[in-house]
Each structure stands twice: as C-alpha cells, then as structure tokens.
N, C-alpha and C. Protein backbone atom coordinates (compact mmCIF):
# COMPACT_ATOMS: atom_id res chain seq x y z
N MET A 1 18.91 124.11 14.14
CA MET A 1 18.43 123.03 15.15
C MET A 1 16.79 122.90 15.17
N PRO A 2 16.18 121.74 15.03
CA PRO A 2 14.66 121.63 14.85
C PRO A 2 14.07 122.00 16.33
N ARG A 3 12.85 122.68 16.16
CA ARG A 3 12.28 122.90 17.48
C ARG A 3 11.45 121.81 18.05
N ALA A 4 11.35 121.64 19.20
CA ALA A 4 10.66 120.49 19.84
C ALA A 4 9.17 120.52 19.60
N VAL A 5 8.63 121.90 19.69
CA VAL A 5 7.10 122.13 19.41
C VAL A 5 7.00 123.09 18.35
N PRO A 6 6.24 122.56 17.34
CA PRO A 6 5.98 123.34 16.14
C PRO A 6 5.49 124.71 16.45
N ALA A 7 5.74 125.79 15.64
CA ALA A 7 5.14 127.05 15.94
C ALA A 7 3.60 126.99 15.77
N PRO A 8 2.89 127.88 16.49
CA PRO A 8 1.42 127.90 16.36
C PRO A 8 0.98 128.39 15.03
N LEU A 9 -0.21 127.98 14.56
CA LEU A 9 -0.60 128.35 13.31
C LEU A 9 -1.15 129.80 13.37
N ARG A 10 -0.84 130.51 12.28
CA ARG A 10 -1.14 131.86 12.17
C ARG A 10 -2.24 132.07 11.10
N PHE A 11 -3.54 132.26 11.35
CA PHE A 11 -4.53 132.50 10.49
C PHE A 11 -4.93 133.83 10.30
N ALA A 12 -5.32 134.37 9.15
CA ALA A 12 -5.87 135.67 8.99
C ALA A 12 -7.18 135.68 9.65
N ARG A 13 -7.85 136.90 9.95
CA ARG A 13 -8.89 137.07 10.85
C ARG A 13 -10.19 136.13 10.36
N ASN A 14 -10.52 136.29 9.04
CA ASN A 14 -11.63 135.37 8.51
C ASN A 14 -11.38 133.99 8.56
N ARG A 15 -10.06 133.48 8.25
CA ARG A 15 -9.88 132.11 8.31
C ARG A 15 -9.92 131.61 9.86
N ALA A 16 -9.43 132.42 10.62
CA ALA A 16 -9.51 132.06 12.11
C ALA A 16 -10.85 131.94 12.57
N LEU A 17 -11.66 132.80 12.15
CA LEU A 17 -13.16 132.74 12.54
C LEU A 17 -13.80 131.41 11.94
N ARG A 18 -13.52 131.28 10.63
CA ARG A 18 -14.07 129.99 10.14
C ARG A 18 -13.62 128.74 10.86
N HIS A 19 -12.28 128.70 11.12
CA HIS A 19 -11.59 127.54 11.89
C HIS A 19 -12.33 127.46 13.11
N TRP A 20 -12.55 128.57 13.84
CA TRP A 20 -13.10 128.54 15.17
C TRP A 20 -14.59 128.06 15.17
N THR A 21 -15.35 128.48 14.17
CA THR A 21 -16.56 128.04 14.00
C THR A 21 -16.88 126.53 13.70
N ILE A 22 -16.01 126.15 12.74
CA ILE A 22 -16.04 124.70 12.47
C ILE A 22 -15.70 123.80 13.67
N HIS A 23 -14.62 124.34 14.18
CA HIS A 23 -14.23 123.54 15.43
C HIS A 23 -15.28 123.52 16.62
N ARG A 24 -15.97 124.69 16.83
CA ARG A 24 -16.95 124.75 17.92
C ARG A 24 -18.23 123.79 17.38
N ALA A 25 -18.58 123.80 16.17
CA ALA A 25 -19.59 123.09 15.69
C ALA A 25 -19.36 121.63 15.86
N TRP A 26 -18.12 121.23 15.70
CA TRP A 26 -17.69 119.92 15.66
C TRP A 26 -17.82 119.39 17.18
N GLN A 27 -17.30 120.22 18.13
CA GLN A 27 -17.42 120.07 19.50
C GLN A 27 -18.70 119.92 20.00
N LEU A 28 -19.64 120.60 19.54
CA LEU A 28 -21.03 120.53 19.86
C LEU A 28 -21.67 119.30 19.46
N PHE A 29 -21.19 118.83 18.25
CA PHE A 29 -21.88 117.61 17.62
C PHE A 29 -21.43 116.41 18.49
N GLN A 30 -20.09 116.48 18.83
CA GLN A 30 -19.68 115.32 19.63
C GLN A 30 -20.23 115.19 20.89
N ARG A 31 -20.53 116.51 21.54
CA ARG A 31 -21.07 116.50 22.89
C ARG A 31 -22.52 115.90 22.81
N ASN A 32 -23.27 116.34 21.75
CA ASN A 32 -24.71 115.80 21.60
C ASN A 32 -24.65 114.39 21.23
N GLU A 33 -23.60 113.75 20.54
CA GLU A 33 -23.58 112.31 20.39
C GLU A 33 -23.37 111.77 21.64
N ARG A 34 -22.38 112.21 22.53
CA ARG A 34 -22.09 111.67 23.87
C ARG A 34 -23.35 111.67 24.65
N VAL A 35 -24.00 112.70 24.77
CA VAL A 35 -25.24 112.79 25.62
C VAL A 35 -26.44 111.85 25.15
N ARG A 36 -26.49 111.64 23.73
CA ARG A 36 -27.42 110.62 23.17
C ARG A 36 -27.15 109.30 23.55
N GLN A 37 -25.84 108.95 23.47
CA GLN A 37 -25.37 107.71 23.77
C GLN A 37 -25.59 107.38 25.28
N GLU A 38 -25.22 108.35 26.10
CA GLU A 38 -25.53 108.10 27.53
C GLU A 38 -26.91 108.05 27.83
N TYR A 39 -27.72 108.82 27.31
CA TYR A 39 -29.18 108.68 27.49
C TYR A 39 -29.61 107.19 27.01
N GLU A 40 -29.21 106.67 25.96
CA GLU A 40 -29.61 105.43 25.52
C GLU A 40 -29.17 104.40 26.40
N LEU A 41 -27.86 104.45 26.97
CA LEU A 41 -27.50 103.48 27.88
C LEU A 41 -28.33 103.56 29.32
N GLN A 42 -28.57 104.79 29.71
CA GLN A 42 -29.56 104.93 30.81
C GLN A 42 -30.79 104.22 30.70
N ARG A 43 -31.43 104.40 29.47
CA ARG A 43 -32.67 104.04 29.17
C ARG A 43 -32.66 102.33 29.30
N LEU A 44 -31.57 101.77 28.60
CA LEU A 44 -31.39 100.41 28.64
C LEU A 44 -31.16 99.85 30.10
N HIS A 45 -30.35 100.54 30.88
CA HIS A 45 -30.17 100.04 32.15
C HIS A 45 -31.35 100.14 33.02
N GLN A 46 -32.21 101.24 33.00
CA GLN A 46 -33.40 101.39 33.69
C GLN A 46 -34.41 100.21 33.24
N SER A 47 -34.45 99.93 32.00
CA SER A 47 -35.34 98.81 31.54
C SER A 47 -34.82 97.45 32.15
N MET A 48 -33.64 97.25 32.18
CA MET A 48 -33.14 95.98 32.81
C MET A 48 -33.44 95.94 34.18
N ARG A 49 -33.33 97.10 35.02
CA ARG A 49 -33.66 97.14 36.30
C ARG A 49 -35.07 96.92 36.55
N ARG A 50 -35.98 97.51 35.76
CA ARG A 50 -37.31 97.23 35.95
C ARG A 50 -37.75 95.76 35.69
N ALA A 51 -37.07 95.17 34.75
CA ALA A 51 -37.43 93.79 34.36
C ALA A 51 -36.83 92.77 35.62
N CYS A 52 -35.76 93.06 36.17
CA CYS A 52 -35.25 92.31 37.23
C CYS A 52 -36.16 92.52 38.40
N GLU A 53 -36.52 93.81 38.76
CA GLU A 53 -37.27 94.04 39.87
C GLU A 53 -38.81 93.26 39.55
N GLU A 54 -39.25 93.33 38.40
CA GLU A 54 -40.51 92.54 38.21
C GLU A 54 -40.28 90.98 38.48
N LEU A 55 -39.12 90.44 38.08
CA LEU A 55 -38.81 89.12 38.23
C LEU A 55 -38.73 88.85 39.77
N ARG A 56 -38.04 89.78 40.52
CA ARG A 56 -37.99 89.55 42.00
C ARG A 56 -39.23 89.67 42.81
N THR A 57 -40.28 90.41 42.25
CA THR A 57 -41.57 90.52 42.92
C THR A 57 -42.49 89.59 42.58
N THR A 58 -42.32 88.90 41.48
CA THR A 58 -43.27 87.98 40.97
C THR A 58 -43.20 86.48 41.58
N SER A 59 -44.20 85.96 41.95
CA SER A 59 -44.04 84.60 42.57
C SER A 59 -43.76 83.64 41.58
N GLY A 60 -42.94 82.60 41.79
CA GLY A 60 -42.57 81.71 40.98
C GLY A 60 -43.57 80.63 40.50
N PRO A 61 -43.41 79.73 39.60
CA PRO A 61 -44.39 78.83 39.07
C PRO A 61 -44.68 77.76 40.19
N GLY A 62 -45.95 77.50 40.12
CA GLY A 62 -46.41 76.41 40.96
C GLY A 62 -46.39 76.92 42.55
N THR A 63 -45.72 76.16 43.32
CA THR A 63 -45.60 76.57 44.77
C THR A 63 -44.22 77.22 45.05
N ARG A 64 -43.56 77.65 44.07
CA ARG A 64 -42.19 78.31 44.31
C ARG A 64 -42.54 79.83 44.90
N ASN A 65 -41.51 80.14 45.70
CA ASN A 65 -41.73 81.32 46.54
C ASN A 65 -41.44 82.50 45.59
N GLU A 66 -41.74 83.73 46.17
CA GLU A 66 -41.49 85.01 45.40
C GLU A 66 -39.88 85.19 45.11
N GLY A 67 -39.49 85.63 43.93
CA GLY A 67 -38.22 85.85 43.71
C GLY A 67 -37.42 84.62 43.01
N HIS A 68 -38.27 83.45 42.79
CA HIS A 68 -37.68 82.26 42.26
C HIS A 68 -37.13 82.55 40.79
N LEU A 69 -37.77 83.09 40.09
CA LEU A 69 -37.46 83.49 38.72
C LEU A 69 -36.25 84.51 38.60
N PHE A 70 -36.24 85.38 39.70
CA PHE A 70 -35.08 86.28 39.60
C PHE A 70 -33.84 85.47 40.03
N GLN A 71 -33.91 84.57 41.05
CA GLN A 71 -32.65 83.58 41.26
C GLN A 71 -32.32 82.89 40.07
N LEU A 72 -33.33 82.31 39.35
CA LEU A 72 -32.90 81.50 38.18
C LEU A 72 -32.18 82.35 37.07
N ALA A 73 -32.61 83.57 36.90
CA ALA A 73 -32.10 84.36 36.02
C ALA A 73 -30.70 84.87 36.28
N MET A 74 -30.39 85.15 37.71
CA MET A 74 -29.01 85.52 37.97
C MET A 74 -28.08 84.47 38.35
N ASP A 75 -28.68 83.21 38.47
CA ASP A 75 -27.83 82.17 38.92
C ASP A 75 -26.69 81.62 37.62
N LYS A 76 -27.14 81.48 36.63
CA LYS A 76 -26.38 81.14 35.51
C LYS A 76 -25.63 79.76 35.75
N ALA A 77 -26.25 78.93 36.50
CA ALA A 77 -25.75 77.56 36.79
C ALA A 77 -26.02 76.68 35.43
N GLY A 78 -25.08 75.96 34.83
CA GLY A 78 -25.27 75.10 33.79
C GLY A 78 -25.34 75.80 32.37
N VAL A 79 -25.29 77.13 32.41
CA VAL A 79 -25.29 77.97 31.10
C VAL A 79 -24.21 77.71 30.24
N TYR A 80 -22.93 77.66 30.85
CA TYR A 80 -21.68 77.51 30.20
C TYR A 80 -21.19 76.21 30.20
N SER A 81 -20.71 75.61 29.22
CA SER A 81 -19.90 74.38 29.31
C SER A 81 -18.55 74.57 29.89
N LEU A 82 -17.79 73.44 30.28
CA LEU A 82 -16.52 73.58 30.88
C LEU A 82 -15.44 74.33 30.01
N SER A 83 -15.65 74.29 28.65
CA SER A 83 -14.66 74.83 27.74
C SER A 83 -15.03 76.40 27.40
N SER A 84 -16.16 76.86 27.70
CA SER A 84 -16.61 78.07 27.15
C SER A 84 -16.17 79.17 28.36
N VAL A 85 -16.24 80.44 27.86
CA VAL A 85 -16.07 81.55 28.72
C VAL A 85 -17.30 82.34 28.82
N PRO A 86 -17.75 82.77 30.22
CA PRO A 86 -18.87 83.48 30.23
C PRO A 86 -18.61 84.87 29.51
N ILE A 87 -19.81 85.38 29.06
CA ILE A 87 -19.72 86.72 28.22
C ILE A 87 -19.33 87.88 29.10
N GLU A 88 -19.37 87.76 30.51
CA GLU A 88 -18.91 88.86 31.35
C GLU A 88 -17.36 88.85 31.34
N TYR A 89 -16.78 87.73 31.00
CA TYR A 89 -15.25 87.71 31.04
C TYR A 89 -14.64 87.74 29.62
N ALA A 90 -15.43 87.84 28.71
CA ALA A 90 -14.94 87.89 27.33
C ALA A 90 -14.27 89.24 27.05
N ARG A 91 -13.42 89.32 26.24
CA ARG A 91 -12.95 90.65 25.72
C ARG A 91 -12.76 90.52 24.10
N PRO A 92 -12.86 91.85 23.49
CA PRO A 92 -12.79 91.84 22.03
C PRO A 92 -11.35 91.37 21.72
N GLN A 93 -11.21 91.01 20.51
CA GLN A 93 -9.93 90.46 20.06
C GLN A 93 -8.97 91.67 19.96
N THR A 94 -9.33 92.83 19.79
CA THR A 94 -8.45 94.00 19.61
C THR A 94 -7.66 94.25 20.95
N GLU A 95 -8.21 93.78 22.17
CA GLU A 95 -7.45 94.03 23.39
C GLU A 95 -6.46 92.84 23.78
N THR A 96 -6.45 91.89 22.94
CA THR A 96 -5.45 90.75 23.13
C THR A 96 -4.09 91.10 22.51
N PRO A 97 -3.03 90.58 23.13
CA PRO A 97 -1.78 90.90 22.38
C PRO A 97 -1.73 90.06 21.12
N ALA A 98 -0.83 90.55 20.16
CA ALA A 98 -0.69 89.83 18.82
C ALA A 98 0.21 88.66 19.09
N ARG A 99 -0.09 87.55 18.31
CA ARG A 99 0.92 86.39 18.31
C ARG A 99 2.25 86.71 17.88
N GLN A 100 2.29 87.68 16.85
CA GLN A 100 3.61 88.06 16.42
C GLN A 100 3.84 89.66 16.69
N PRO A 101 4.29 90.12 17.73
CA PRO A 101 4.22 91.53 18.05
C PRO A 101 4.88 92.43 16.94
N TRP A 102 5.87 92.08 16.23
CA TRP A 102 6.39 92.94 15.16
C TRP A 102 7.05 92.01 14.14
N ASN A 103 6.72 92.41 12.88
CA ASN A 103 7.25 91.71 11.76
C ASN A 103 8.44 92.43 11.34
N HIS A 104 9.64 91.98 11.58
CA HIS A 104 10.87 92.58 11.22
C HIS A 104 11.25 92.30 9.79
N GLU A 105 10.66 91.33 9.14
CA GLU A 105 11.03 91.04 7.72
C GLU A 105 10.24 91.89 6.83
N TRP A 106 9.24 92.70 7.18
CA TRP A 106 8.23 93.32 6.37
C TRP A 106 9.07 94.51 5.54
N LYS A 107 8.80 94.68 4.40
CA LYS A 107 9.42 95.69 3.56
C LYS A 107 8.42 96.33 2.68
N ARG A 108 8.61 97.54 2.35
CA ARG A 108 7.44 98.31 1.44
C ARG A 108 7.86 97.94 0.01
C-alpha cells in the first residue's frame, strides 16, 4: 500500500550541511529581494505623496484657489471614454477565466 506522505530525505552529514547552507543562502537572498522591493515601493509611494502634497498646497493658475491643481489631478473627469476601463479597475489577462476551460480533445 503506498504511503500518503513520502519518507523524509536522509542525507549524510556533509550533504545535509551543504543542503542546509544552500537552502539558507537562498532564503536570505529571497528576503533581501523582498526588502529591496518593499523599499522601492515605499520610495515611490512617498514620492507620490510629496507630489500630491505640493499640488495641494500650490495656488492654482490665475485666480484659482489653493488646491485647484490637486483637485484636477484627482478628478479624472473626461479622461476615459464611455467604452474604456479606468486603469484602477483593469486586471491582467492571467486573472480572467479562459474562454475554453479545458480542451478534452487534446492528445500528446
């Protein structure tokens, strides 16, 4: 009768040490990548916040009041046509269901 869970790997001492070292190095690399990406996203977000704050505190052109440029930037009125979708609502194509879920006729 087959086992539901395969037996654990049994390595010799040196091979287990190599395996652990490589695994730990890979985990550290992935952690550093996550930290780097998170830092980059924080930097972009702070830059956007500073730009929006600058628009909010700057007086508008002519006799416009303070914050007019910020309101125009956040309004998005007339940016999209009737048939288009705002970028905030768009999704990558990989998240949409397939038109044909399964091809039963496929053979190797």
